[in-house]
């Protein structure tokens, strides 16, 4: 399985972390990895790539995340 190395920018803190994952990993698996590393609960945050909110069932490959890509973690917006 092909692995990719990519960055996740934690916008609220102004810092980046680096992840190495399988290109067929789901966004949910990425979120779990970030939770293990950083303790960020994705009920309150979401991942954005190329201006699009990523959904848990998508894979990194489907989202076109490649080596050295940068995903962003931002506050989840709620309406109501």
C-alpha atoms as a PDB file:
ATOM      1  CA  UNK A   1       0.000   0.000   0.000  1.00  0.00           C
ATOM      2  CA  UNK A   2       1.238   3.433  -0.929  1.00  0.00           C
ATOM      3  CA  UNK A   3       1.845   5.805   1.953  1.00  0.00           C
ATOM      4  CA  UNK A   4       1.761   9.563   1.756  1.00  0.00           C
ATOM      5  CA  UNK A   5       3.351  12.155   4.025  1.00  0.00           C
ATOM      6  CA  UNK A   6       1.269  15.272   4.488  1.00  0.00           C
ATOM      7  CA  UNK A   7       0.783  18.159   6.880  1.00  0.00           C
ATOM      8  CA  UNK A   8      -2.130  19.188   9.021  1.00  0.00           C
ATOM      9  CA  UNK A   9      -2.204  22.844  10.042  1.00  0.00           C
ATOM     10  CA  UNK A  10      -3.934  23.494  13.344  1.00  0.00           C
ATOM     11  CA  UNK A  11      -5.211  26.945  12.432  1.00  0.00           C
ATOM     12  CA  UNK A  12      -6.300  27.923  15.968  1.00  0.00           C
ATOM     13  CA  UNK A  13      -2.765  27.367  17.288  1.00  0.00           C
ATOM     14  CA  UNK A  14      -0.783  28.414  14.235  1.00  0.00           C
ATOM     15  CA  UNK A  15       1.240  25.202  14.015  1.00  0.00           C
ATOM     16  CA  UNK A  16       1.573  22.126  11.816  1.00  0.00           C
ATOM     17  CA  UNK A  17       1.906  18.416  12.427  1.00  0.00           C
ATOM     18  CA  UNK A  18       3.088  15.831   9.923  1.00  0.00           C
ATOM     19  CA  UNK A  19       1.254  12.571   9.273  1.00  0.00           C
ATOM     20  CA  UNK A  20       2.215   9.478   7.306  1.00  0.00           C
ATOM     21  CA  UNK A  21      -0.786   7.404   6.284  1.00  0.00           C
ATOM     22  CA  UNK A  22      -1.981   5.041   3.591  1.00  0.00           C
ATOM     23  CA  UNK A  23      -3.493   6.854   0.611  1.00  0.00           C
ATOM     24  CA  UNK A  24      -6.630   4.714   1.077  1.00  0.00           C
ATOM     25  CA  UNK A  25      -7.085   5.818   4.715  1.00  0.00           C
ATOM     26  CA  UNK A  26     -10.423   7.467   5.393  1.00  0.00           C
ATOM     27  CA  UNK A  27     -10.780  10.973   6.783  1.00  0.00           C
ATOM     28  CA  UNK A  28     -12.243   9.334   9.889  1.00  0.00           C
ATOM     29  CA  UNK A  29      -8.964   7.414  10.336  1.00  0.00           C
ATOM     30  CA  UNK A  30      -7.029  10.661   9.888  1.00  0.00           C
ATOM     31  CA  UNK A  31      -9.209  12.309  12.555  1.00  0.00           C
ATOM     32  CA  UNK A  32      -8.560   9.413  14.954  1.00  0.00           C
ATOM     33  CA  UNK A  33      -4.806   9.696  14.371  1.00  0.00           C
ATOM     34  CA  UNK A  34      -4.921  13.439  15.072  1.00  0.00           C
ATOM     35  CA  UNK A  35      -6.952  12.769  18.221  1.00  0.00           C
ATOM     36  CA  UNK A  36      -4.319  10.264  19.406  1.00  0.00           C
ATOM     37  CA  UNK A  37      -1.525  12.755  18.719  1.00  0.00           C
ATOM     38  CA  UNK A  38      -3.128  16.048  19.745  1.00  0.00           C
ATOM     39  CA  UNK A  39      -6.315  15.283  21.684  1.00  0.00           C
ATOM     40  CA  UNK A  40      -8.511  17.313  19.299  1.00  0.00           C
ATOM     41  CA  UNK A  41     -12.134  16.186  19.370  1.00  0.00           C
ATOM     42  CA  UNK A  42     -13.652  16.345  15.897  1.00  0.00           C
ATOM     43  CA  UNK A  43     -17.117  17.049  17.238  1.00  0.00           C
ATOM     44  CA  UNK A  44     -15.778  20.615  17.496  1.00  0.00           C
ATOM     45  CA  UNK A  45     -13.351  20.735  14.565  1.00  0.00           C
ATOM     46  CA  UNK A  46     -13.340  19.806  10.893  1.00  0.00           C
ATOM     47  CA  UNK A  47     -10.741  19.142   8.212  1.00  0.00           C
ATOM     48  CA  UNK A  48     -10.555  21.373   5.140  1.00  0.00           C
ATOM     49  CA  UNK A  49      -8.523  20.756   1.988  1.00  0.00           C
ATOM     50  CA  UNK A  50      -8.472  23.016  -1.069  1.00  0.00           C
ATOM     51  CA  UNK A  51     -11.378  24.998   0.366  1.00  0.00           C
ATOM     52  CA  UNK A  52     -13.618  21.936   0.818  1.00  0.00           C
ATOM     53  CA  UNK A  53     -14.843  20.316   4.010  1.00  0.00           C
ATOM     54  CA  UNK A  54     -13.802  16.664   4.079  1.00  0.00           C
ATOM     55  CA  UNK A  55     -16.277  13.982   5.125  1.00  0.00           C
ATOM     56  CA  UNK A  56     -15.414  10.972   7.266  1.00  0.00           C
ATOM     57  CA  UNK A  57     -16.105   8.346   4.596  1.00  0.00           C
ATOM     58  CA  UNK A  58     -13.844   9.909   1.955  1.00  0.00           C
ATOM     59  CA  UNK A  59     -10.334   8.529   1.482  1.00  0.00           C
ATOM     60  CA  UNK A  60      -7.210  10.644   1.198  1.00  0.00           C
ATOM     61  CA  UNK A  61      -6.922   9.468  -2.399  1.00  0.00           C
ATOM     62  CA  UNK A  62     -10.513  10.527  -3.199  1.00  0.00           C
ATOM     63  CA  UNK A  63      -9.759  13.954  -1.729  1.00  0.00           C
ATOM     64  CA  UNK A  64      -6.627  14.132  -3.912  1.00  0.00           C
ATOM     65  CA  UNK A  65      -4.339  14.512  -0.883  1.00  0.00           C
ATOM     66  CA  UNK A  66      -0.768  13.856  -1.997  1.00  0.00           C
ATOM     67  CA  UNK A  67       2.679  13.956  -0.416  1.00  0.00           C
ATOM     68  CA  UNK A  68       3.354  17.395   1.100  1.00  0.00           C
ATOM     69  CA  UNK A  69      -0.313  18.452   0.832  1.00  0.00           C
ATOM     70  CA  UNK A  70      -1.611  20.575   3.709  1.00  0.00           C
ATOM     71  CA  UNK A  71      -4.985  20.007   5.368  1.00  0.00           C
ATOM     72  CA  UNK A  72      -6.397  22.577   7.789  1.00  0.00           C
ATOM     73  CA  UNK A  73      -8.187  21.982  11.066  1.00  0.00           C
ATOM     74  CA  UNK A  74     -10.755  24.697  11.795  1.00  0.00           C
ATOM     75  CA  UNK A  75     -13.576  25.229  14.265  1.00  0.00           C
ATOM     76  CA  UNK A  76     -16.758  23.510  13.183  1.00  0.00           C
ATOM     77  CA  UNK A  77     -19.462  26.037  12.318  1.00  0.00           C
ATOM     78  CA  UNK A  78     -22.865  25.574  13.889  1.00  0.00           C
ATOM     79  CA  UNK A  79     -26.021  27.368  12.954  1.00  0.00           C
ATOM     80  CA  UNK A  80     -28.935  27.847  15.220  1.00  0.00           C
END
